[in-house]
N, C-alpha and C. Protein backbone atom coordinates (compact mmCIF):
# COMPACT_ATOMS: atom_id res chain seq x y z
N MET A 1 25.20 -0.25 -11.30
CA MET A 1 26.11 0.32 -10.35
C MET A 1 25.38 0.89 -9.13
N LEU A 2 24.28 1.54 -9.34
CA LEU A 2 23.50 2.07 -8.25
C LEU A 2 22.98 0.95 -7.36
N ALA A 3 22.60 -0.14 -7.95
CA ALA A 3 22.12 -1.29 -7.19
C ALA A 3 23.23 -1.87 -6.33
N ALA A 4 24.46 -1.85 -6.82
CA ALA A 4 25.59 -2.37 -6.06
C ALA A 4 25.87 -1.49 -4.84
N LEU A 5 25.75 -0.16 -5.02
CA LEU A 5 25.96 0.75 -3.90
C LEU A 5 24.87 0.58 -2.84
N ILE A 6 23.65 0.37 -3.27
CA ILE A 6 22.55 0.18 -2.33
C ILE A 6 22.76 -1.11 -1.54
N GLN A 7 23.20 -2.15 -2.21
CA GLN A 7 23.43 -3.41 -1.50
C GLN A 7 24.59 -3.31 -0.52
N GLU A 8 25.62 -2.54 -0.86
CA GLU A 8 26.77 -2.38 0.04
C GLU A 8 26.41 -1.56 1.28
N SER A 9 25.52 -0.56 1.11
CA SER A 9 25.18 0.29 2.23
C SER A 9 24.01 -0.26 3.05
N ALA A 10 23.40 -1.31 2.60
CA ALA A 10 22.29 -1.90 3.34
C ALA A 10 22.81 -2.52 4.63
N PRO A 11 22.01 -2.42 5.71
CA PRO A 11 22.47 -3.01 6.98
C PRO A 11 22.67 -4.51 6.84
N GLN A 12 23.72 -4.95 7.47
CA GLN A 12 24.01 -6.37 7.41
C GLN A 12 23.36 -7.05 8.60
N ALA A 13 23.10 -8.29 8.46
CA ALA A 13 22.48 -9.05 9.54
C ALA A 13 23.46 -9.19 10.70
N VAL A 14 22.92 -9.10 11.91
CA VAL A 14 23.74 -9.24 13.11
C VAL A 14 23.97 -10.73 13.35
N PRO A 15 25.21 -11.10 13.58
CA PRO A 15 25.48 -12.52 13.84
C PRO A 15 24.71 -13.00 15.07
N GLU A 16 24.29 -14.24 15.03
CA GLU A 16 23.47 -14.79 16.11
C GLU A 16 24.22 -14.90 17.44
N ASP A 17 25.53 -14.99 17.43
CA ASP A 17 26.27 -15.15 18.67
C ASP A 17 26.48 -13.83 19.41
N VAL A 18 26.03 -12.70 18.84
CA VAL A 18 26.17 -11.41 19.51
C VAL A 18 25.19 -11.28 20.67
N PHE A 19 23.97 -11.75 20.50
CA PHE A 19 22.95 -11.59 21.53
C PHE A 19 23.29 -12.32 22.83
N PRO A 20 23.75 -13.55 22.79
CA PRO A 20 24.14 -14.18 24.07
C PRO A 20 25.30 -13.43 24.74
N THR A 21 26.21 -12.90 23.94
CA THR A 21 27.33 -12.15 24.50
C THR A 21 26.83 -10.86 25.16
N LEU A 22 25.93 -10.15 24.48
CA LEU A 22 25.37 -8.93 25.05
C LEU A 22 24.59 -9.23 26.33
N LEU A 23 23.84 -10.30 26.34
CA LEU A 23 23.10 -10.68 27.54
C LEU A 23 24.04 -11.03 28.69
N SER A 24 25.14 -11.69 28.38
CA SER A 24 26.13 -12.02 29.42
C SER A 24 26.76 -10.76 30.00
N VAL A 25 27.07 -9.80 29.14
CA VAL A 25 27.66 -8.54 29.61
C VAL A 25 26.64 -7.78 30.45
N LEU A 26 25.40 -7.72 30.01
CA LEU A 26 24.35 -7.05 30.77
C LEU A 26 24.15 -7.71 32.14
N ALA A 27 24.14 -9.02 32.18
CA ALA A 27 23.99 -9.75 33.44
C ALA A 27 25.18 -9.46 34.37
N ALA A 28 26.38 -9.41 33.82
CA ALA A 28 27.57 -9.12 34.63
C ALA A 28 27.49 -7.70 35.21
N VAL A 29 27.00 -6.75 34.43
CA VAL A 29 26.87 -5.37 34.92
C VAL A 29 25.83 -5.31 36.04
N ILE A 30 24.72 -5.99 35.88
CA ILE A 30 23.68 -5.99 36.92
C ILE A 30 24.18 -6.66 38.19
N VAL A 31 24.82 -7.80 38.07
CA VAL A 31 25.36 -8.50 39.25
C VAL A 31 26.43 -7.65 39.92
N GLY A 32 27.29 -7.01 39.14
CA GLY A 32 28.31 -6.13 39.71
C GLY A 32 27.69 -4.96 40.46
N GLY A 33 26.64 -4.38 39.92
CA GLY A 33 25.94 -3.29 40.60
C GLY A 33 25.33 -3.74 41.91
N ILE A 34 24.75 -4.92 41.93
CA ILE A 34 24.17 -5.46 43.17
C ILE A 34 25.26 -5.69 44.21
N ILE A 35 26.39 -6.23 43.79
CA ILE A 35 27.50 -6.47 44.72
C ILE A 35 28.02 -5.15 45.29
N ILE A 36 28.16 -4.14 44.45
CA ILE A 36 28.63 -2.83 44.93
C ILE A 36 27.63 -2.25 45.93
N TYR A 37 26.35 -2.36 45.64
CA TYR A 37 25.31 -1.87 46.54
C TYR A 37 25.39 -2.57 47.91
N LEU A 38 25.53 -3.89 47.89
CA LEU A 38 25.60 -4.64 49.15
C LEU A 38 26.85 -4.30 49.95
N VAL A 39 27.98 -4.15 49.28
CA VAL A 39 29.22 -3.82 49.97
C VAL A 39 29.13 -2.42 50.59
N ARG A 40 28.54 -1.47 49.87
CA ARG A 40 28.38 -0.12 50.42
C ARG A 40 27.50 -0.13 51.66
N ASN A 41 26.40 -0.87 51.60
CA ASN A 41 25.51 -0.96 52.77
C ASN A 41 26.23 -1.60 53.95
N TRP A 42 27.00 -2.64 53.70
CA TRP A 42 27.75 -3.30 54.76
C TRP A 42 28.76 -2.33 55.37
N ALA A 43 29.44 -1.56 54.54
CA ALA A 43 30.43 -0.61 55.04
C ALA A 43 29.78 0.48 55.87
N ARG A 44 28.62 0.93 55.46
CA ARG A 44 27.92 1.96 56.23
C ARG A 44 27.48 1.42 57.59
N ARG A 45 27.01 0.17 57.61
CA ARG A 45 26.59 -0.43 58.88
C ARG A 45 27.76 -0.59 59.83
N SER A 46 28.93 -0.94 59.32
CA SER A 46 30.08 -1.11 60.19
C SER A 46 30.55 0.25 60.72
N ASP A 47 30.34 1.34 59.99
CA ASP A 47 30.66 2.67 60.48
C ASP A 47 29.72 3.08 61.60
N ASP A 48 28.50 2.60 61.58
CA ASP A 48 27.52 2.94 62.62
C ASP A 48 27.82 2.26 63.94
N SER A 49 28.76 1.34 63.96
CA SER A 49 29.07 0.62 65.19
C SER A 49 29.92 1.45 66.16
N MET A 50 30.26 2.66 65.76
CA MET A 50 31.02 3.53 66.65
C MET A 50 30.19 3.83 67.89
N PRO A 51 30.84 3.98 69.04
CA PRO A 51 30.08 4.23 70.27
C PRO A 51 29.34 5.55 70.20
N GLY A 52 28.14 5.57 70.79
CA GLY A 52 27.34 6.76 70.78
C GLY A 52 27.67 7.70 71.92
N PHE A 53 28.53 7.30 72.83
CA PHE A 53 28.90 8.10 73.99
C PHE A 53 30.14 8.90 73.64
N THR A 54 30.03 10.23 73.69
CA THR A 54 31.14 11.07 73.26
C THR A 54 31.68 11.89 74.42
N LEU A 55 32.79 12.54 74.16
CA LEU A 55 33.38 13.44 75.13
C LEU A 55 32.43 14.60 75.43
N GLY A 56 31.67 15.02 74.42
CA GLY A 56 30.67 16.05 74.62
C GLY A 56 29.60 15.61 75.60
N ASP A 57 29.22 14.33 75.54
CA ASP A 57 28.25 13.79 76.50
C ASP A 57 28.82 13.86 77.92
N LEU A 58 30.10 13.54 78.05
CA LEU A 58 30.75 13.61 79.36
C LEU A 58 30.74 15.03 79.90
N ARG A 59 31.07 15.98 79.03
CA ARG A 59 31.08 17.39 79.46
C ARG A 59 29.69 17.82 79.91
N GLU A 60 28.70 17.38 79.17
CA GLU A 60 27.32 17.73 79.53
C GLU A 60 26.94 17.14 80.89
N LEU A 61 27.33 15.90 81.14
CA LEU A 61 27.05 15.29 82.44
C LEU A 61 27.73 16.06 83.57
N ARG A 62 28.97 16.50 83.33
CA ARG A 62 29.70 17.26 84.34
C ARG A 62 29.04 18.62 84.57
N GLU A 63 28.63 19.28 83.48
CA GLU A 63 27.99 20.59 83.61
C GLU A 63 26.64 20.49 84.33
N ASN A 64 25.94 19.38 84.14
CA ASN A 64 24.64 19.18 84.79
C ASN A 64 24.78 18.68 86.22
N GLY A 65 26.01 18.43 86.65
CA GLY A 65 26.25 17.97 88.01
C GLY A 65 25.96 16.49 88.21
N GLU A 66 25.83 15.75 87.13
CA GLU A 66 25.53 14.31 87.24
C GLU A 66 26.78 13.50 87.56
N ILE A 67 27.95 14.03 87.21
CA ILE A 67 29.21 13.39 87.57
C ILE A 67 30.15 14.46 88.13
N THR A 68 31.07 14.03 88.94
CA THR A 68 32.04 14.96 89.53
C THR A 68 33.18 15.20 88.56
N GLU A 69 34.01 16.18 88.90
CA GLU A 69 35.19 16.48 88.07
C GLU A 69 36.12 15.27 88.01
N ALA A 70 36.27 14.57 89.15
CA ALA A 70 37.15 13.39 89.18
C ALA A 70 36.59 12.28 88.28
N GLU A 71 35.28 12.08 88.33
CA GLU A 71 34.66 11.07 87.45
C GLU A 71 34.80 11.46 85.99
N PHE A 72 34.65 12.76 85.70
CA PHE A 72 34.82 13.24 84.33
C PHE A 72 36.22 12.95 83.82
N LYS A 73 37.23 13.27 84.64
CA LYS A 73 38.61 13.04 84.23
C LYS A 73 38.91 11.56 84.04
N ALA A 74 38.39 10.72 84.94
CA ALA A 74 38.62 9.28 84.82
C ALA A 74 37.95 8.74 83.55
N ALA A 75 36.73 9.17 83.29
CA ALA A 75 36.02 8.70 82.09
C ALA A 75 36.68 9.22 80.83
N ARG A 76 37.11 10.48 80.86
CA ARG A 76 37.79 11.06 79.70
C ARG A 76 39.07 10.30 79.40
N ASN A 77 39.85 10.01 80.43
CA ASN A 77 41.10 9.26 80.24
C ASN A 77 40.82 7.86 79.71
N ALA A 78 39.74 7.25 80.19
CA ALA A 78 39.38 5.91 79.71
C ALA A 78 38.99 5.97 78.24
N MET A 79 38.25 7.01 77.86
CA MET A 79 37.86 7.15 76.45
C MET A 79 39.09 7.36 75.57
N ILE A 80 39.99 8.19 76.03
CA ILE A 80 41.20 8.46 75.25
C ILE A 80 42.03 7.20 75.10
N SER A 81 42.14 6.41 76.18
CA SER A 81 42.92 5.18 76.09
C SER A 81 42.26 4.17 75.15
N GLN A 82 40.92 4.16 75.11
CA GLN A 82 40.24 3.24 74.19
C GLN A 82 40.42 3.67 72.75
N VAL A 83 40.50 4.97 72.50
CA VAL A 83 40.73 5.44 71.13
C VAL A 83 42.12 5.06 70.68
N ARG A 84 43.07 5.18 71.60
CA ARG A 84 44.46 4.81 71.26
C ARG A 84 44.60 3.30 71.08
N ASP A 85 43.95 2.52 71.94
CA ASP A 85 44.01 1.06 71.87
C ASP A 85 42.60 0.52 72.12
N PRO A 86 41.79 0.33 71.04
CA PRO A 86 40.40 -0.08 71.19
C PRO A 86 40.20 -1.41 71.91
N SER A 87 41.22 -2.25 71.99
CA SER A 87 41.05 -3.55 72.64
C SER A 87 41.21 -3.47 74.16
N SER A 88 41.68 -2.31 74.67
CA SER A 88 41.89 -2.21 76.11
C SER A 88 40.61 -1.79 76.81
N PRO A 89 40.32 -2.39 77.97
CA PRO A 89 39.14 -2.00 78.75
C PRO A 89 39.38 -0.69 79.47
N THR A 90 38.33 -0.14 80.09
CA THR A 90 38.50 1.08 80.87
C THR A 90 39.33 0.79 82.10
N GLN A 91 39.78 1.83 82.77
CA GLN A 91 40.71 1.67 83.89
C GLN A 91 40.13 0.82 85.02
N ASP A 92 38.85 1.02 85.35
CA ASP A 92 38.29 0.27 86.47
C ASP A 92 37.55 -0.98 86.02
N GLY A 93 37.62 -1.30 84.73
CA GLY A 93 36.98 -2.51 84.23
C GLY A 93 35.53 -2.30 83.82
N GLY A 94 34.93 -1.18 84.18
CA GLY A 94 33.55 -0.89 83.82
C GLY A 94 33.49 -0.12 82.52
N SER A 95 32.33 -0.12 81.92
CA SER A 95 32.19 0.63 80.69
C SER A 95 31.70 2.03 80.99
N LEU A 96 31.88 2.92 80.06
CA LEU A 96 31.43 4.29 80.24
C LEU A 96 29.91 4.35 80.32
N ASP A 97 29.20 3.48 79.63
CA ASP A 97 27.75 3.45 79.68
C ASP A 97 27.27 3.07 81.07
N ASP A 98 28.02 2.18 81.77
CA ASP A 98 27.66 1.80 83.13
C ASP A 98 27.72 3.01 84.06
N ARG A 99 28.75 3.83 83.89
CA ARG A 99 28.89 5.02 84.73
C ARG A 99 27.74 5.99 84.47
N ARG A 100 27.38 6.13 83.21
CA ARG A 100 26.33 7.08 82.85
C ARG A 100 24.99 6.65 83.40
N SER A 101 24.66 5.38 83.31
CA SER A 101 23.35 4.90 83.76
C SER A 101 23.25 4.82 85.27
N SER A 102 24.37 4.79 85.98
CA SER A 102 24.32 4.67 87.43
C SER A 102 24.07 6.00 88.12
N HIS A 103 24.15 7.11 87.38
CA HIS A 103 23.91 8.42 87.97
C HIS A 103 22.57 8.98 87.58
């Protein structure tokens, strides 16, 4: 009877088809992790495409006397219109960076 209990509690052999299944699951987890990593990096890069010229930059230019009050208001309005409708160009057809570099 003791021998029967020992045989019942002894570890059983693992079926041979378990290892390929485990390897497939492990490979799927690794590939999924790589895909998530790549998608996150892509999303971060697309967030960086936001313009580096801000309303604060415009205020600074006005305070430093590099642009006039009228130029500030025109550029501010152009920025606001682009935020509302990103596909629309600035009022005079030029970009805000062109105005900044010309002064």
